[in-house]
Amino acid sequence: MEGEKEEKGQAVADQPKLLSGGNPQIAKGYGDAPVQAYIAAMPGWKSAVGRHLDQLIMRAVPEAQKAVKWNSPLYGMEADVWFLGIHCFAKYIKVAFFNGASLSPPPPVESKMENARYFHIHEKEEIDEAQFSDWVKQASQLPGERM
């Protein structure tokens, strides 16, 4: 019994902390490794959806650069200039298109920021892969956000 507690305690200690809403706390880093660590730490159904989103993004724009900043995976075309970010919330995953108001058609969720638009994914919702990939391609060709 005591060994089980230690193993369970160790497993919990090895897991990234989940912030409010279940967003994984992942150290800032550039490249695929921190993004994959974030995806692996996404709770429940969100991890599989995160892997799928990453695959769709990289299939649409294979030359995209990746990073994790502010506990969110970011995708961009040049260093520290990002066109898309992902963030976990309690009941959905938010995909932020930083210049999404310029996409045709624009993603469905408006933002308080003039140019940003969001796409929310809830559990068991199907993703229109063709539309999502089209948004990603369009977004990659627009000016990104310097962060």
C-alpha atoms as a PDB file:
ATOM      1  CA  MET A   1       0.000   0.000   0.000  1.00  0.00           C
ATOM      2  CA  GLU A   2       2.674   2.489   0.978  1.00  0.00           C
ATOM      3  CA  GLY A   3       4.602   1.820  -2.252  1.00  0.00           C
ATOM      4  CA  GLU A   4       1.428   2.555  -4.204  1.00  0.00           C
ATOM      5  CA  LYS A   5       1.091   5.927  -2.507  1.00  0.00           C
ATOM      6  CA  GLU A   6       4.673   6.803  -3.380  1.00  0.00           C
ATOM      7  CA  GLU A   7       4.146   5.765  -7.007  1.00  0.00           C
ATOM      8  CA  LYS A   8       0.920   7.729  -7.209  1.00  0.00           C
ATOM      9  CA  GLY A   9       2.575  10.726  -5.531  1.00  0.00           C
ATOM     10  CA  GLN A  10       5.470  10.520  -7.963  1.00  0.00           C
ATOM     11  CA  ALA A  11       3.161  10.298 -10.969  1.00  0.00           C
ATOM     12  CA  VAL A  12       1.267  13.376  -9.777  1.00  0.00           C
ATOM     13  CA  ALA A  13       4.538  15.251  -9.181  1.00  0.00           C
ATOM     14  CA  ASP A  14       5.660  14.479 -12.752  1.00  0.00           C
ATOM     15  CA  GLN A  15       2.483  15.955 -14.263  1.00  0.00           C
ATOM     16  CA  PRO A  16       2.383  19.641 -15.197  1.00  0.00           C
ATOM     17  CA  LYS A  17       0.173  21.774 -12.998  1.00  0.00           C
ATOM     18  CA  LEU A  18      -3.249  22.547 -14.468  1.00  0.00           C
ATOM     19  CA  LEU A  19      -4.161  26.198 -14.156  1.00  0.00           C
ATOM     20  CA  SER A  20      -7.712  27.527 -13.865  1.00  0.00           C
ATOM     21  CA  GLY A  21      -9.980  25.965 -16.455  1.00  0.00           C
ATOM     22  CA  GLY A  22      -7.588  23.028 -16.903  1.00  0.00           C
ATOM     23  CA  ASN A  23      -4.954  24.819 -18.996  1.00  0.00           C
ATOM     24  CA  PRO A  24      -1.559  23.078 -18.587  1.00  0.00           C
ATOM     25  CA  GLN A  25       1.284  25.134 -17.119  1.00  0.00           C
ATOM     26  CA  ILE A  26       4.201  24.449 -19.465  1.00  0.00           C
ATOM     27  CA  ALA A  27       7.514  26.291 -19.387  1.00  0.00           C
ATOM     28  CA  LYS A  28       8.157  28.732 -22.203  1.00  0.00           C
ATOM     29  CA  GLY A  29      10.026  27.076 -25.046  1.00  0.00           C
ATOM     30  CA  TYR A  30      10.505  27.029 -28.797  1.00  0.00           C
ATOM     31  CA  GLY A  31      10.032  24.130 -31.202  1.00  0.00           C
ATOM     32  CA  ASP A  32       7.943  20.980 -31.271  1.00  0.00           C
ATOM     33  CA  ALA A  33       8.961  19.529 -27.871  1.00  0.00           C
ATOM     34  CA  PRO A  34       7.235  22.102 -25.622  1.00  0.00           C
ATOM     35  CA  VAL A  35       4.130  22.033 -27.827  1.00  0.00           C
ATOM     36  CA  GLN A  36       3.984  18.242 -27.561  1.00  0.00           C
ATOM     37  CA  ALA A  37       4.454  18.489 -23.773  1.00  0.00           C
ATOM     38  CA  TYR A  38       1.516  20.897 -23.619  1.00  0.00           C
ATOM     39  CA  ILE A  39      -0.642  18.607 -25.773  1.00  0.00           C
ATOM     40  CA  ALA A  40       0.238  15.582 -23.636  1.00  0.00           C
ATOM     41  CA  ALA A  41      -0.747  17.518 -20.499  1.00  0.00           C
ATOM     42  CA  MET A  42      -4.110  18.679 -21.858  1.00  0.00           C
ATOM     43  CA  PRO A  43      -6.721  17.035 -19.606  1.00  0.00           C
ATOM     44  CA  GLY A  44      -9.125  14.324 -20.749  1.00  0.00           C
ATOM     45  CA  TRP A  45     -10.534  14.470 -24.281  1.00  0.00           C
ATOM     46  CA  LYS A  46      -8.611  17.682 -24.996  1.00  0.00           C
ATOM     47  CA  SER A  47      -5.267  15.912 -25.464  1.00  0.00           C
ATOM     48  CA  ALA A  48      -6.505  13.838 -28.431  1.00  0.00           C
ATOM     49  CA  VAL A  49      -8.093  16.942 -29.970  1.00  0.00           C
ATOM     50  CA  GLY A  50      -4.867  18.888 -29.369  1.00  0.00           C
ATOM     51  CA  ARG A  51      -2.857  16.219 -31.229  1.00  0.00           C
ATOM     52  CA  HIS A  52      -5.352  16.352 -34.081  1.00  0.00           C
ATOM     53  CA  LEU A  53      -5.193  20.163 -34.271  1.00  0.00           C
ATOM     54  CA  ASP A  54      -1.384  20.091 -34.295  1.00  0.00           C
ATOM     55  CA  GLN A  55      -1.447  17.561 -37.149  1.00  0.00           C
ATOM     56  CA  LEU A  56      -3.955  19.621 -39.143  1.00  0.00           C
ATOM     57  CA  ILE A  57      -1.942  22.824 -38.624  1.00  0.00           C
ATOM     58  CA  MET A  58       1.348  21.236 -39.636  1.00  0.00           C
ATOM     59  CA  ARG A  59      -0.236  19.488 -42.619  1.00  0.00           C
ATOM     60  CA  ALA A  60      -1.694  22.815 -43.798  1.00  0.00           C
ATOM     61  CA  VAL A  61       1.502  24.810 -43.161  1.00  0.00           C
ATOM     62  CA  PRO A  62       4.481  22.435 -42.840  1.00  0.00           C
ATOM     63  CA  GLU A  63       6.970  25.293 -42.456  1.00  0.00           C
ATOM     64  CA  ALA A  64       5.187  26.769 -39.420  1.00  0.00           C
ATOM     65  CA  GLN A  65       7.292  27.436 -36.346  1.00  0.00           C
ATOM     66  CA  LYS A  66       6.043  26.443 -32.892  1.00  0.00           C
ATOM     67  CA  ALA A  67       6.469  27.642 -29.337  1.00  0.00           C
ATOM     68  CA  VAL A  68       4.769  27.620 -25.966  1.00  0.00           C
ATOM     69  CA  LYS A  69       4.421  31.058 -24.384  1.00  0.00           C
ATOM     70  CA  TRP A  70       1.979  32.160 -21.699  1.00  0.00           C
ATOM     71  CA  ASN A  71       0.947  28.502 -21.289  1.00  0.00           C
ATOM     72  CA  SER A  72      -0.379  28.310 -24.843  1.00  0.00           C
ATOM     73  CA  PRO A  73       1.009  26.673 -27.989  1.00  0.00           C
ATOM     74  CA  LEU A  74       1.635  29.247 -30.710  1.00  0.00           C
ATOM     75  CA  TYR A  75       2.197  28.770 -34.450  1.00  0.00           C
ATOM     76  CA  GLY A  76       3.895  31.303 -36.694  1.00  0.00           C
ATOM     77  CA  MET A  77       5.884  31.909 -39.841  1.00  0.00           C
ATOM     78  CA  GLU A  78       8.796  33.812 -38.297  1.00  0.00           C
ATOM     79  CA  ALA A  79      10.424  34.093 -34.889  1.00  0.00           C
ATOM     80  CA  ASP A  80       8.078  35.549 -32.274  1.00  0.00           C
ATOM     81  CA  VAL A  81       5.359  36.442 -34.817  1.00  0.00           C
ATOM     82  CA  TRP A  82       2.324  34.186 -34.428  1.00  0.00           C
ATOM     83  CA  PHE A  83      -0.826  33.633 -36.477  1.00  0.00           C
ATOM     84  CA  LEU A  84      -2.565  31.108 -34.197  1.00  0.00           C
ATOM     85  CA  GLY A  85      -2.686  30.037 -30.560  1.00  0.00           C
ATOM     86  CA  ILE A  86      -4.422  27.272 -28.597  1.00  0.00           C
ATOM     87  CA  HIS A  87      -5.712  27.485 -25.028  1.00  0.00           C
ATOM     88  CA  CYS A  88      -7.649  25.054 -22.795  1.00  0.00           C
ATOM     89  CA  PHE A  89     -10.716  26.096 -20.874  1.00  0.00           C
ATOM     90  CA  ALA A  90     -12.883  23.967 -18.595  1.00  0.00           C
ATOM     91  CA  LYS A  91     -15.433  23.014 -21.259  1.00  0.00           C
ATOM     92  CA  TYR A  92     -13.689  23.735 -24.561  1.00  0.00           C
ATOM     93  CA  ILE A  93     -10.485  24.387 -26.475  1.00  0.00           C
ATOM     94  CA  LYS A  94     -10.071  27.873 -27.905  1.00  0.00           C
ATOM     95  CA  VAL A  95      -8.173  28.301 -31.161  1.00  0.00           C
ATOM     96  CA  ALA A  96      -7.260  31.970 -31.556  1.00  0.00           C
ATOM     97  CA  PHE A  97      -6.630  33.306 -35.044  1.00  0.00           C
ATOM     98  CA  PHE A  98      -4.840  36.556 -34.221  1.00  0.00           C
ATOM     99  CA  ASN A  99      -5.797  38.167 -37.543  1.00  0.00           C
ATOM    100  CA  GLY A 100      -8.972  36.102 -37.906  1.00  0.00           C
ATOM    101  CA  ALA A 101     -11.242  38.999 -38.858  1.00  0.00           C
ATOM    102  CA  SER A 102      -9.425  38.973 -42.227  1.00  0.00           C
ATOM    103  CA  LEU A 103     -10.160  35.288 -42.888  1.00  0.00           C
ATOM    104  CA  SER A 104     -12.892  34.291 -45.313  1.00  0.00           C
ATOM    105  CA  PRO A 105     -15.224  33.261 -43.850  1.00  0.00           C
ATOM    106  CA  PRO A 106     -14.081  34.526 -40.440  1.00  0.00           C
ATOM    107  CA  PRO A 107     -14.042  32.018 -37.566  1.00  0.00           C
ATOM    108  CA  PRO A 108     -17.360  32.163 -35.708  1.00  0.00           C
ATOM    109  CA  VAL A 109     -16.469  33.647 -32.315  1.00  0.00           C
ATOM    110  CA  GLU A 110     -15.781  37.378 -32.071  1.00  0.00           C
ATOM    111  CA  SER A 111     -13.165  38.907 -29.808  1.00  0.00           C
ATOM    112  CA  LYS A 112     -12.817  42.121 -27.832  1.00  0.00           C
ATOM    113  CA  MET A 113      -9.629  42.586 -29.871  1.00  0.00           C
ATOM    114  CA  GLU A 114     -10.482  44.084 -33.240  1.00  0.00           C
ATOM    115  CA  ASN A 115      -8.632  41.617 -35.479  1.00  0.00           C
ATOM    116  CA  ALA A 116      -8.811  38.360 -33.499  1.00  0.00           C
ATOM    117  CA  ARG A 117     -11.434  35.666 -34.061  1.00  0.00           C
ATOM    118  CA  TYR A 118     -11.852  32.362 -32.254  1.00  0.00           C
ATOM    119  CA  PHE A 119     -12.893  28.829 -33.001  1.00  0.00           C
ATOM    120  CA  HIS A 120     -14.138  26.872 -29.968  1.00  0.00           C
ATOM    121  CA  ILE A 121     -14.096  23.080 -29.859  1.00  0.00           C
ATOM    122  CA  HIS A 122     -16.270  21.279 -27.325  1.00  0.00           C
ATOM    123  CA  GLU A 123     -16.148  17.596 -26.384  1.00  0.00           C
ATOM    124  CA  LYS A 124     -17.516  15.251 -29.071  1.00  0.00           C
ATOM    125  CA  GLU A 125     -17.804  18.041 -31.656  1.00  0.00           C
ATOM    126  CA  GLU A 126     -16.634  17.252 -35.136  1.00  0.00           C
ATOM    127  CA  ILE A 127     -14.068  19.587 -36.656  1.00  0.00           C
ATOM    128  CA  ASP A 128     -14.667  20.617 -40.241  1.00  0.00           C
ATOM    129  CA  GLU A 129     -11.112  19.740 -41.255  1.00  0.00           C
ATOM    130  CA  ALA A 130     -11.311  21.385 -44.679  1.00  0.00           C
ATOM    131  CA  GLN A 131     -12.541  24.691 -43.205  1.00  0.00           C
ATOM    132  CA  PHE A 132     -10.063  24.598 -40.321  1.00  0.00           C
ATOM    133  CA  SER A 133      -7.144  23.847 -42.676  1.00  0.00           C
ATOM    134  CA  ASP A 134      -8.259  26.664 -44.971  1.00  0.00           C
ATOM    135  CA  TRP A 135      -8.306  29.106 -42.028  1.00  0.00           C
ATOM    136  CA  VAL A 136      -4.815  27.963 -41.024  1.00  0.00           C
ATOM    137  CA  LYS A 137      -3.450  28.438 -44.553  1.00  0.00           C
ATOM    138  CA  GLN A 138      -5.058  31.869 -44.867  1.00  0.00           C
ATOM    139  CA  ALA A 139      -3.866  32.942 -41.410  1.00  0.00           C
ATOM    140  CA  SER A 140      -0.291  31.875 -42.161  1.00  0.00           C
ATOM    141  CA  GLN A 141      -0.204  34.281 -45.106  1.00  0.00           C
ATOM    142  CA  LEU A 142      -1.367  37.311 -43.098  1.00  0.00           C
ATOM    143  CA  PRO A 143       0.721  39.471 -40.768  1.00  0.00           C
ATOM    144  CA  GLY A 144       0.994  37.798 -37.382  1.00  0.00           C
ATOM    145  CA  GLU A 145       1.100  39.105 -33.833  1.00  0.00           C
ATOM    146  CA  ARG A 146       4.535  39.877 -32.408  1.00  0.00           C
ATOM    147  CA  MET A 147       4.717  38.318 -28.935  1.00  0.00           C
END
